[in-house]
mmCIF file of all heavy atoms, coordinates in Angstrom:
data_MODEL
# 
_entry.id   MODEL 
# 
loop_
_atom_site.group_PDB 
_atom_site.id 
_atom_site.type_symbol 
_atom_site.label_atom_id 
_atom_site.label_alt_id 
_atom_site.label_comp_id 
_atom_site.label_asym_id 
_atom_site.label_entity_id 
_atom_site.label_seq_id 
_atom_site.pdbx_PDB_ins_code 
_atom_site.Cartn_x 
_atom_site.Cartn_y 
_atom_site.Cartn_z 
_atom_site.occupancy 
_atom_site.B_iso_or_equiv 
_atom_site.pdbx_formal_charge 
_atom_site.auth_seq_id 
_atom_site.auth_comp_id 
_atom_site.auth_asym_id 
_atom_site.auth_atom_id 
_atom_site.pdbx_PDB_model_num 
ATOM 1   N N   . VAL A 1 1  ? -6.303  33.319 17.195 1.00 0.00 ? 1  VAL A N   1 
ATOM 2   C CA  . VAL A 1 1  ? -6.534  32.414 16.070 1.00 0.00 ? 1  VAL A CA  1 
ATOM 3   C C   . VAL A 1 1  ? -5.221  31.744 15.674 1.00 0.00 ? 1  VAL A C   1 
ATOM 4   O O   . VAL A 1 1  ? -5.183  30.537 15.409 1.00 0.00 ? 1  VAL A O   1 
ATOM 5   C CB  . VAL A 1 1  ? -7.174  33.152 14.871 1.00 0.00 ? 1  VAL A CB  1 
ATOM 6   C CG1 . VAL A 1 1  ? -7.272  32.242 13.662 1.00 0.00 ? 1  VAL A CG1 1 
ATOM 7   C CG2 . VAL A 1 1  ? -8.551  33.689 15.262 1.00 0.00 ? 1  VAL A CG2 1 
ATOM 8   N N   . ALA A 1 2  ? -4.131  32.496 15.659 1.00 0.00 ? 2  ALA A N   1 
ATOM 9   C CA  . ALA A 1 2  ? -2.828  31.904 15.346 1.00 0.00 ? 2  ALA A CA  1 
ATOM 10  C C   . ALA A 1 2  ? -2.449  30.857 16.390 1.00 0.00 ? 2  ALA A C   1 
ATOM 11  O O   . ALA A 1 2  ? -1.911  29.802 16.051 1.00 0.00 ? 2  ALA A O   1 
ATOM 12  C CB  . ALA A 1 2  ? -1.756  32.984 15.272 1.00 0.00 ? 2  ALA A CB  1 
ATOM 13  N N   . ARG A 1 3  ? -2.746  31.126 17.647 1.00 0.00 ? 3  ARG A N   1 
ATOM 14  C CA  . ARG A 1 3  ? -2.470  30.135 18.696 1.00 0.00 ? 3  ARG A CA  1 
ATOM 15  C C   . ARG A 1 3  ? -3.307  28.885 18.478 1.00 0.00 ? 3  ARG A C   1 
ATOM 16  O O   . ARG A 1 3  ? -2.829  27.767 18.608 1.00 0.00 ? 3  ARG A O   1 
ATOM 17  C CB  . ARG A 1 3  ? -2.725  30.684 20.092 1.00 0.00 ? 3  ARG A CB  1 
ATOM 18  C CG  . ARG A 1 3  ? -2.588  29.558 21.119 1.00 0.00 ? 3  ARG A CG  1 
ATOM 19  C CD  . ARG A 1 3  ? -2.544  29.922 22.541 1.00 0.00 ? 3  ARG A CD  1 
ATOM 20  N NE  . ARG A 1 3  ? -1.499  30.760 23.005 1.00 0.00 ? 3  ARG A NE  1 
ATOM 21  C CZ  . ARG A 1 3  ? -0.219  30.400 23.174 1.00 0.00 ? 3  ARG A CZ  1 
ATOM 22  N NH1 . ARG A 1 3  ? 0.175   29.199 22.847 1.00 0.00 ? 3  ARG A NH1 1 
ATOM 23  N NH2 . ARG A 1 3  ? 0.655   31.225 23.658 1.00 0.00 ? 3  ARG A NH2 1 
ATOM 24  N N   . GLU A 1 4  ? -4.585  29.054 18.135 1.00 0.00 ? 4  GLU A N   1 
ATOM 25  C CA  . GLU A 1 4  ? -5.461  27.911 17.889 1.00 0.00 ? 4  GLU A CA  1 
ATOM 26  C C   . GLU A 1 4  ? -4.928  27.062 16.728 1.00 0.00 ? 4  GLU A C   1 
ATOM 27  O O   . GLU A 1 4  ? -4.903  25.833 16.806 1.00 0.00 ? 4  GLU A O   1 
ATOM 28  C CB  . GLU A 1 4  ? -6.872  28.401 17.574 1.00 0.00 ? 4  GLU A CB  1 
ATOM 29  C CG  . GLU A 1 4  ? -7.869  27.297 17.396 1.00 0.00 ? 4  GLU A CG  1 
ATOM 30  C CD  . GLU A 1 4  ? -9.270  27.818 17.192 1.00 0.00 ? 4  GLU A CD  1 
ATOM 31  O OE1 . GLU A 1 4  ? -9.564  28.982 17.509 1.00 0.00 ? 4  GLU A OE1 1 
ATOM 32  O OE2 . GLU A 1 4  ? -10.083 27.038 16.701 1.00 0.00 ? 4  GLU A OE2 1 
ATOM 33  N N   . VAL A 1 5  ? -4.479  27.719 15.673 1.00 0.00 ? 5  VAL A N   1 
ATOM 34  C CA  . VAL A 1 5  ? -3.915  26.997 14.533 1.00 0.00 ? 5  VAL A CA  1 
ATOM 35  C C   . VAL A 1 5  ? -2.663  26.236 14.953 1.00 0.00 ? 5  VAL A C   1 
ATOM 36  O O   . VAL A 1 5  ? -2.471  25.073 14.586 1.00 0.00 ? 5  VAL A O   1 
ATOM 37  C CB  . VAL A 1 5  ? -3.617  27.968 13.367 1.00 0.00 ? 5  VAL A CB  1 
ATOM 38  C CG1 . VAL A 1 5  ? -2.762  27.315 12.304 1.00 0.00 ? 5  VAL A CG1 1 
ATOM 39  C CG2 . VAL A 1 5  ? -4.911  28.477 12.766 1.00 0.00 ? 5  VAL A CG2 1 
ATOM 40  N N   . ALA A 1 6  ? -1.802  26.873 15.729 1.00 0.00 ? 6  ALA A N   1 
ATOM 41  C CA  . ALA A 1 6  ? -0.580  26.207 16.191 1.00 0.00 ? 6  ALA A CA  1 
ATOM 42  C C   . ALA A 1 6  ? -0.895  25.018 17.091 1.00 0.00 ? 6  ALA A C   1 
ATOM 43  O O   . ALA A 1 6  ? -0.264  23.971 16.982 1.00 0.00 ? 6  ALA A O   1 
ATOM 44  C CB  . ALA A 1 6  ? 0.317   27.205 16.930 1.00 0.00 ? 6  ALA A CB  1 
ATOM 45  N N   . ASP A 1 7  ? -1.883  25.171 17.966 1.00 0.00 ? 7  ASP A N   1 
ATOM 46  C CA  . ASP A 1 7  ? -2.208  24.121 18.936 1.00 0.00 ? 7  ASP A CA  1 
ATOM 47  C C   . ASP A 1 7  ? -3.020  22.975 18.346 1.00 0.00 ? 7  ASP A C   1 
ATOM 48  O O   . ASP A 1 7  ? -2.879  21.836 18.779 1.00 0.00 ? 7  ASP A O   1 
ATOM 49  C CB  . ASP A 1 7  ? -2.980  24.707 20.119 1.00 0.00 ? 7  ASP A CB  1 
ATOM 50  C CG  . ASP A 1 7  ? -2.131  25.625 20.989 1.00 0.00 ? 7  ASP A CG  1 
ATOM 51  O OD1 . ASP A 1 7  ? -0.890  25.602 20.853 1.00 0.00 ? 7  ASP A OD1 1 
ATOM 52  O OD2 . ASP A 1 7  ? -2.724  26.363 21.797 1.00 0.00 ? 7  ASP A OD2 1 
ATOM 53  N N   . TRP A 1 8  ? -3.884  23.264 17.364 1.00 0.00 ? 8  TRP A N   1 
ATOM 54  C CA  . TRP A 1 8  ? -4.842  22.267 16.891 1.00 0.00 ? 8  TRP A CA  1 
ATOM 55  C C   . TRP A 1 8  ? -4.761  21.976 15.395 1.00 0.00 ? 8  TRP A C   1 
ATOM 56  O O   . TRP A 1 8  ? -5.541  21.193 14.875 1.00 0.00 ? 8  TRP A O   1 
ATOM 57  C CB  . TRP A 1 8  ? -6.261  22.684 17.266 1.00 0.00 ? 8  TRP A CB  1 
ATOM 58  C CG  . TRP A 1 8  ? -6.432  22.695 18.739 1.00 0.00 ? 8  TRP A CG  1 
ATOM 59  C CD1 . TRP A 1 8  ? -6.386  23.780 19.559 1.00 0.00 ? 8  TRP A CD1 1 
ATOM 60  C CD2 . TRP A 1 8  ? -6.633  21.575 19.591 1.00 0.00 ? 8  TRP A CD2 1 
ATOM 61  N NE1 . TRP A 1 8  ? -6.559  23.389 20.868 1.00 0.00 ? 8  TRP A NE1 1 
ATOM 62  C CE2 . TRP A 1 8  ? -6.711  22.042 20.906 1.00 0.00 ? 8  TRP A CE2 1 
ATOM 63  C CE3 . TRP A 1 8  ? -6.761  20.209 19.351 1.00 0.00 ? 8  TRP A CE3 1 
ATOM 64  C CZ2 . TRP A 1 8  ? -6.910  21.196 21.996 1.00 0.00 ? 8  TRP A CZ2 1 
ATOM 65  C CZ3 . TRP A 1 8  ? -6.954  19.361 20.437 1.00 0.00 ? 8  TRP A CZ3 1 
ATOM 66  C CH2 . TRP A 1 8  ? -7.036  19.859 21.742 1.00 0.00 ? 8  TRP A CH2 1 
ATOM 67  N N   . GLY A 1 9  ? -3.827  22.594 14.697 1.00 0.00 ? 9  GLY A N   1 
ATOM 68  C CA  . GLY A 1 9  ? -3.733  22.385 13.263 1.00 0.00 ? 9  GLY A CA  1 
ATOM 69  C C   . GLY A 1 9  ? -2.581  21.489 12.866 1.00 0.00 ? 9  GLY A C   1 
ATOM 70  O O   . GLY A 1 9  ? -1.549  21.443 13.536 1.00 0.00 ? 9  GLY A O   1 
ATOM 71  N N   . PHE A 1 10 ? -2.770  20.770 11.768 1.00 0.00 ? 10 PHE A N   1 
ATOM 72  C CA  . PHE A 1 10 ? -1.695  19.969 11.193 1.00 0.00 ? 10 PHE A CA  1 
ATOM 73  C C   . PHE A 1 10 ? -2.000  19.727 9.720  1.00 0.00 ? 10 PHE A C   1 
ATOM 74  O O   . PHE A 1 10 ? -3.097  20.008 9.237  1.00 0.00 ? 10 PHE A O   1 
ATOM 75  C CB  . PHE A 1 10 ? -1.507  18.639 11.949 1.00 0.00 ? 10 PHE A CB  1 
ATOM 76  C CG  . PHE A 1 10 ? -2.664  17.689 11.854 1.00 0.00 ? 10 PHE A CG  1 
ATOM 77  C CD1 . PHE A 1 10 ? -2.677  16.661 10.920 1.00 0.00 ? 10 PHE A CD1 1 
ATOM 78  C CD2 . PHE A 1 10 ? -3.750  17.807 12.710 1.00 0.00 ? 10 PHE A CD2 1 
ATOM 79  C CE1 . PHE A 1 10 ? -3.745  15.780 10.845 1.00 0.00 ? 10 PHE A CE1 1 
ATOM 80  C CE2 . PHE A 1 10 ? -4.818  16.922 12.639 1.00 0.00 ? 10 PHE A CE2 1 
ATOM 81  C CZ  . PHE A 1 10 ? -4.817  15.909 11.702 1.00 0.00 ? 10 PHE A CZ  1 
ATOM 82  N N   . TYR A 1 11 ? -1.009  19.285 9.014  1.00 0.00 ? 11 TYR A N   1 
ATOM 83  C CA  . TYR A 1 11 ? -1.161  18.934 7.608  1.00 0.00 ? 11 TYR A CA  1 
ATOM 84  C C   . TYR A 1 11 ? -1.095  17.423 7.455  1.00 0.00 ? 11 TYR A C   1 
ATOM 85  O O   . TYR A 1 11 ? -0.419  16.747 8.227  1.00 0.00 ? 11 TYR A O   1 
ATOM 86  C CB  . TYR A 1 11 ? 0.002   19.480 6.763  1.00 0.00 ? 11 TYR A CB  1 
ATOM 87  C CG  . TYR A 1 11 ? 0.107   20.969 6.658  1.00 0.00 ? 11 TYR A CG  1 
ATOM 88  C CD1 . TYR A 1 11 ? 1.114   21.670 7.324  1.00 0.00 ? 11 TYR A CD1 1 
ATOM 89  C CD2 . TYR A 1 11 ? -0.763  21.683 5.836  1.00 0.00 ? 11 TYR A CD2 1 
ATOM 90  C CE1 . TYR A 1 11 ? 1.245   23.034 7.189  1.00 0.00 ? 11 TYR A CE1 1 
ATOM 91  C CE2 . TYR A 1 11 ? -0.635  23.055 5.697  1.00 0.00 ? 11 TYR A CE2 1 
ATOM 92  C CZ  . TYR A 1 11 ? 0.363   23.721 6.379  1.00 0.00 ? 11 TYR A CZ  1 
ATOM 93  O OH  . TYR A 1 11 ? 0.495   25.085 6.244  1.00 0.00 ? 11 TYR A OH  1 
ATOM 94  N N   . ILE A 1 12 ? -1.770  16.902 6.432  1.00 0.00 ? 12 ILE A N   1 
ATOM 95  C CA  . ILE A 1 12 ? -1.486  15.550 5.964  1.00 0.00 ? 12 ILE A CA  1 
ATOM 96  C C   . ILE A 1 12 ? -0.877  15.705 4.576  1.00 0.00 ? 12 ILE A C   1 
ATOM 97  O O   . ILE A 1 12 ? -1.194  16.646 3.846  1.00 0.00 ? 12 ILE A O   1 
ATOM 98  C CB  . ILE A 1 12 ? -2.719  14.625 5.952  1.00 0.00 ? 12 ILE A CB  1 
ATOM 99  C CG1 . ILE A 1 12 ? -3.825  15.156 5.056  1.00 0.00 ? 12 ILE A CG1 1 
ATOM 100 C CG2 . ILE A 1 12 ? -3.227  14.383 7.361  1.00 0.00 ? 12 ILE A CG2 1 
ATOM 101 C CD1 . ILE A 1 12 ? -4.976  14.182 4.859  1.00 0.00 ? 12 ILE A CD1 1 
ATOM 102 N N   . GLY A 1 13 ? 0.007   14.794 4.235  1.00 0.00 ? 13 GLY A N   1 
ATOM 103 C CA  . GLY A 1 13 ? 0.666   14.852 2.945  1.00 0.00 ? 13 GLY A CA  1 
ATOM 104 C C   . GLY A 1 13 ? -0.272  14.488 1.811  1.00 0.00 ? 13 GLY A C   1 
ATOM 105 O O   . GLY A 1 13 ? -1.207  13.708 1.977  1.00 0.00 ? 13 GLY A O   1 
ATOM 106 N N   . CYS A 1 14 ? -0.043  15.104 0.673  1.00 0.00 ? 14 CYS A N   1 
ATOM 107 C CA  . CYS A 1 14 ? -0.782  14.760 -0.539 1.00 0.00 ? 14 CYS A CA  1 
ATOM 108 C C   . CYS A 1 14 ? 0.105   15.083 -1.741 1.00 0.00 ? 14 CYS A C   1 
ATOM 109 O O   . CYS A 1 14 ? 1.111   15.782 -1.602 1.00 0.00 ? 14 CYS A O   1 
ATOM 110 C CB  . CYS A 1 14 ? -2.121  15.480 -0.621 1.00 0.00 ? 14 CYS A CB  1 
ATOM 111 S SG  . CYS A 1 14 ? -2.020  17.258 -0.739 1.00 0.00 ? 14 CYS A SG  1 
ATOM 112 N N   . HIS A 1 15 ? -0.249  14.560 -2.889 1.00 0.00 ? 15 HIS A N   1 
ATOM 113 C CA  . HIS A 1 15 ? 0.511   14.822 -4.109 1.00 0.00 ? 15 HIS A CA  1 
ATOM 114 C C   . HIS A 1 15 ? -0.371  14.519 -5.309 1.00 0.00 ? 15 HIS A C   1 
ATOM 115 O O   . HIS A 1 15 ? -1.388  13.826 -5.182 1.00 0.00 ? 15 HIS A O   1 
ATOM 116 C CB  . HIS A 1 15 ? 1.808   14.010 -4.143 1.00 0.00 ? 15 HIS A CB  1 
ATOM 117 C CG  . HIS A 1 15 ? 1.603   12.538 -4.055 1.00 0.00 ? 15 HIS A CG  1 
ATOM 118 N ND1 . HIS A 1 15 ? 1.294   11.758 -5.142 1.00 0.00 ? 15 HIS A ND1 1 
ATOM 119 C CD2 . HIS A 1 15 ? 1.630   11.701 -2.985 1.00 0.00 ? 15 HIS A CD2 1 
ATOM 120 C CE1 . HIS A 1 15 ? 1.161   10.504 -4.754 1.00 0.00 ? 15 HIS A CE1 1 
ATOM 121 N NE2 . HIS A 1 15 ? 1.355   10.439 -3.453 1.00 0.00 ? 15 HIS A NE2 1 
ATOM 122 N N   . PRO A 1 16 ? -0.015  15.048 -6.473 1.00 0.00 ? 16 PRO A N   1 
ATOM 123 C CA  . PRO A 1 16 ? -0.859  14.863 -7.652 1.00 0.00 ? 16 PRO A CA  1 
ATOM 124 C C   . PRO A 1 16 ? -1.032  13.408 -8.073 1.00 0.00 ? 16 PRO A C   1 
ATOM 125 O O   . PRO A 1 16 ? -1.993  13.088 -8.766 1.00 0.00 ? 16 PRO A O   1 
ATOM 126 C CB  . PRO A 1 16 ? -0.134  15.640 -8.754 1.00 0.00 ? 16 PRO A CB  1 
ATOM 127 C CG  . PRO A 1 16 ? 0.749   16.586 -8.049 1.00 0.00 ? 16 PRO A CG  1 
ATOM 128 C CD  . PRO A 1 16 ? 1.102   15.948 -6.738 1.00 0.00 ? 16 PRO A CD  1 
ATOM 129 N N   . GLY A 1 17 ? -0.152  12.528 -7.643 1.00 0.00 ? 17 GLY A N   1 
ATOM 130 C CA  . GLY A 1 17 ? -0.250  11.128 -8.034 1.00 0.00 ? 17 GLY A CA  1 
ATOM 131 C C   . GLY A 1 17 ? -1.137  10.282 -7.138 1.00 0.00 ? 17 GLY A C   1 
ATOM 132 O O   . GLY A 1 17 ? -1.251  9.075  -7.336 1.00 0.00 ? 17 GLY A O   1 
ATOM 133 N N   . MET A 1 18 ? -1.774  10.910 -6.156 1.00 0.00 ? 18 MET A N   1 
ATOM 134 C CA  . MET A 1 18 ? -2.644  10.134 -5.264 1.00 0.00 ? 18 MET A CA  1 
ATOM 135 C C   . MET A 1 18 ? -3.836  9.588  -6.042 1.00 0.00 ? 18 MET A C   1 
ATOM 136 O O   . MET A 1 18 ? -4.378  10.253 -6.920 1.00 0.00 ? 18 MET A O   1 
ATOM 137 C CB  . MET A 1 18 ? -3.125  10.999 -4.100 1.00 0.00 ? 18 MET A CB  1 
ATOM 138 C CG  . MET A 1 18 ? -2.020  11.336 -3.126 1.00 0.00 ? 18 MET A CG  1 
ATOM 139 S SD  . MET A 1 18 ? -2.605  12.358 -1.759 1.00 0.00 ? 18 MET A SD  1 
ATOM 140 C CE  . MET A 1 18 ? -3.481  11.128 -0.802 1.00 0.00 ? 18 MET A CE  1 
ATOM 141 N N   . THR A 1 19 ? -4.225  8.392  -5.683 1.00 0.00 ? 19 THR A N   1 
ATOM 142 C CA  . THR A 1 19 ? -5.362  7.739  -6.337 1.00 0.00 ? 19 THR A CA  1 
ATOM 143 C C   . THR A 1 19 ? -6.607  7.846  -5.460 1.00 0.00 ? 19 THR A C   1 
ATOM 144 O O   . THR A 1 19 ? -6.520  8.198  -4.274 1.00 0.00 ? 19 THR A O   1 
ATOM 145 C CB  . THR A 1 19 ? -5.054  6.253  -6.567 1.00 0.00 ? 19 THR A CB  1 
ATOM 146 O OG1 . THR A 1 19 ? -4.928  5.615  -5.276 1.00 0.00 ? 19 THR A OG1 1 
ATOM 147 C CG2 . THR A 1 19 ? -3.772  6.054  -7.375 1.00 0.00 ? 19 THR A CG2 1 
ATOM 148 N N   . LEU A 1 20 ? -7.740  7.509  -6.024 1.00 0.00 ? 20 LEU A N   1 
ATOM 149 C CA  . LEU A 1 20 ? -8.962  7.463  -5.234 1.00 0.00 ? 20 LEU A CA  1 
ATOM 150 C C   . LEU A 1 20 ? -8.843  6.426  -4.126 1.00 0.00 ? 20 LEU A C   1 
ATOM 151 O O   . LEU A 1 20 ? -9.372  6.613  -3.028 1.00 0.00 ? 20 LEU A O   1 
ATOM 152 C CB  . LEU A 1 20 ? -10.163 7.164  -6.118 1.00 0.00 ? 20 LEU A CB  1 
ATOM 153 C CG  . LEU A 1 20 ? -10.601 8.318  -7.029 1.00 0.00 ? 20 LEU A CG  1 
ATOM 154 C CD1 . LEU A 1 20 ? -11.772 7.885  -7.914 1.00 0.00 ? 20 LEU A CD1 1 
ATOM 155 C CD2 . LEU A 1 20 ? -10.973 9.548  -6.230 1.00 0.00 ? 20 LEU A CD2 1 
ATOM 156 N N   . SER A 1 21 ? -8.119  5.368  -4.381 1.00 0.00 ? 21 SER A N   1 
ATOM 157 C CA  . SER A 1 21 ? -7.877  4.350  -3.360 1.00 0.00 ? 21 SER A CA  1 
ATOM 158 C C   . SER A 1 21 ? -7.088  4.943  -2.184 1.00 0.00 ? 21 SER A C   1 
ATOM 159 O O   . SER A 1 21 ? -7.376  4.640  -1.028 1.00 0.00 ? 21 SER A O   1 
ATOM 160 C CB  . SER A 1 21 ? -7.136  3.171  -3.978 1.00 0.00 ? 21 SER A CB  1 
ATOM 161 O OG  . SER A 1 21 ? -6.841  2.210  -3.000 1.00 0.00 ? 21 SER A OG  1 
ATOM 162 N N   . ASP A 1 22 ? -6.088  5.779  -2.489 1.00 0.00 ? 22 ASP A N   1 
ATOM 163 C CA  . ASP A 1 22 ? -5.323  6.459  -1.436 1.00 0.00 ? 22 ASP A CA  1 
ATOM 164 C C   . ASP A 1 22 ? -6.250  7.334  -0.595 1.00 0.00 ? 22 ASP A C   1 
ATOM 165 O O   . ASP A 1 22 ? -6.173  7.327  0.641  1.00 0.00 ? 22 ASP A O   1 
ATOM 166 C CB  . ASP A 1 22 ? -4.223  7.336  -2.027 1.00 0.00 ? 22 ASP A CB  1 
ATOM 167 C CG  . ASP A 1 22 ? -3.148  6.560  -2.753 1.00 0.00 ? 22 ASP A CG  1 
ATOM 168 O OD1 . ASP A 1 22 ? -2.889  5.399  -2.385 1.00 0.00 ? 22 ASP A OD1 1 
ATOM 169 O OD2 . ASP A 1 22 ? -2.562  7.131  -3.697 1.00 0.00 ? 22 ASP A OD2 1 
ATOM 170 N N   . LEU A 1 23 ? -7.108  8.097  -1.256 1.00 0.00 ? 23 LEU A N   1 
ATOM 171 C CA  . LEU A 1 23 ? -8.032  8.981  -0.545 1.00 0.00 ? 23 LEU A CA  1 
ATOM 172 C C   . LEU A 1 23 ? -9.028  8.179  0.286  1.00 0.00 ? 23 LEU A C   1 
ATOM 173 O O   . LEU A 1 23 ? -9.352  8.566  1.417  1.00 0.00 ? 23 LEU A O   1 
ATOM 174 C CB  . LEU A 1 23 ? -8.769  9.882  -1.531 1.00 0.00 ? 23 LEU A CB  1 
ATOM 175 C CG  . LEU A 1 23 ? -7.884  10.855 -2.314 1.00 0.00 ? 23 LEU A CG  1 
ATOM 176 C CD1 . LEU A 1 23 ? -8.717  11.606 -3.343 1.00 0.00 ? 23 LEU A CD1 1 
ATOM 177 C CD2 . LEU A 1 23 ? -7.149  11.805 -1.403 1.00 0.00 ? 23 LEU A CD2 1 
ATOM 178 N N   . ASP A 1 24 ? -9.503  7.068  -0.244 1.00 0.00 ? 24 ASP A N   1 
ATOM 179 C CA  . ASP A 1 24 ? -10.410 6.199  0.516  1.00 0.00 ? 24 ASP A CA  1 
ATOM 180 C C   . ASP A 1 24 ? -9.719  5.670  1.772  1.00 0.00 ? 24 ASP A C   1 
ATOM 181 O O   . ASP A 1 24 ? -10.331 5.597  2.844  1.00 0.00 ? 24 ASP A O   1 
ATOM 182 C CB  . ASP A 1 24 ? -10.891 5.030  -0.338 1.00 0.00 ? 24 ASP A CB  1 
ATOM 183 C CG  . ASP A 1 24 ? -11.886 5.451  -1.408 1.00 0.00 ? 24 ASP A CG  1 
ATOM 184 O OD1 . ASP A 1 24 ? -12.465 6.556  -1.310 1.00 0.00 ? 24 ASP A OD1 1 
ATOM 185 O OD2 . ASP A 1 24 ? -12.081 4.660  -2.357 1.00 0.00 ? 24 ASP A OD2 1 
ATOM 186 N N   . TYR A 1 25 ? -8.450  5.301  1.644  1.00 0.00 ? 25 TYR A N   1 
ATOM 187 C CA  . TYR A 1 25 ? -7.682  4.794  2.788  1.00 0.00 ? 25 TYR A CA  1 
ATOM 188 C C   . TYR A 1 25 ? -7.566  5.872  3.870  1.00 0.00 ? 25 TYR A C   1 
ATOM 189 O O   . TYR A 1 25 ? -7.811  5.619  5.052  1.00 0.00 ? 25 TYR A O   1 
ATOM 190 C CB  . TYR A 1 25 ? -6.298  4.337  2.332  1.00 0.00 ? 25 TYR A CB  1 
ATOM 191 C CG  . TYR A 1 25 ? -5.423  3.888  3.471  1.00 0.00 ? 25 TYR A CG  1 
ATOM 192 C CD1 . TYR A 1 25 ? -5.587  2.630  4.040  1.00 0.00 ? 25 TYR A CD1 1 
ATOM 193 C CD2 . TYR A 1 25 ? -4.436  4.728  3.990  1.00 0.00 ? 25 TYR A CD2 1 
ATOM 194 C CE1 . TYR A 1 25 ? -4.798  2.219  5.102  1.00 0.00 ? 25 TYR A CE1 1 
ATOM 195 C CE2 . TYR A 1 25 ? -3.634  4.327  5.044  1.00 0.00 ? 25 TYR A CE2 1 
ATOM 196 C CZ  . TYR A 1 25 ? -3.815  3.076  5.605  1.00 0.00 ? 25 TYR A CZ  1 
ATOM 197 O OH  . TYR A 1 25 ? -3.039  2.677  6.655  1.00 0.00 ? 25 TYR A OH  1 
ATOM 198 N N   . ILE A 1 26 ? -7.207  7.079  3.462  1.00 0.00 ? 26 ILE A N   1 
ATOM 199 C CA  . ILE A 1 26 ? -7.052  8.180  4.419  1.00 0.00 ? 26 ILE A CA  1 
ATOM 200 C C   . ILE A 1 26 ? -8.383  8.465  5.108  1.00 0.00 ? 26 ILE A C   1 
ATOM 201 O O   . ILE A 1 26 ? -8.452  8.600  6.336  1.00 0.00 ? 26 ILE A O   1 
ATOM 202 C CB  . ILE A 1 26 ? -6.499  9.436  3.718  1.00 0.00 ? 26 ILE A CB  1 
ATOM 203 C CG1 . ILE A 1 26 ? -5.064  9.193  3.268  1.00 0.00 ? 26 ILE A CG1 1 
ATOM 204 C CG2 . ILE A 1 26 ? -6.582  10.661 4.634  1.00 0.00 ? 26 ILE A CG2 1 
ATOM 205 C CD1 . ILE A 1 26 ? -4.512  10.241 2.316  1.00 0.00 ? 26 ILE A CD1 1 
ATOM 206 N N   . THR A 1 27 ? -9.446  8.536  4.333  1.00 0.00 ? 27 THR A N   1 
ATOM 207 C CA  . THR A 1 27 ? -10.779 8.777  4.893  1.00 0.00 ? 27 THR A CA  1 
ATOM 208 C C   . THR A 1 27 ? -11.163 7.678  5.879  1.00 0.00 ? 27 THR A C   1 
ATOM 209 O O   . THR A 1 27 ? -11.682 7.959  6.965  1.00 0.00 ? 27 THR A O   1 
ATOM 210 C CB  . THR A 1 27 ? -11.820 8.859  3.761  1.00 0.00 ? 27 THR A CB  1 
ATOM 211 O OG1 . THR A 1 27 ? -11.437 9.902  2.866  1.00 0.00 ? 27 THR A OG1 1 
ATOM 212 C CG2 . THR A 1 27 ? -13.207 9.136  4.296  1.00 0.00 ? 27 THR A CG2 1 
# 
């Protein structure tokens, strides 16, 4: 499972100031 996370996992950045428009763009 740790290998799977390392091979196929990543983060996207986020912060409390994100707007719904930002989330719509990412989606």
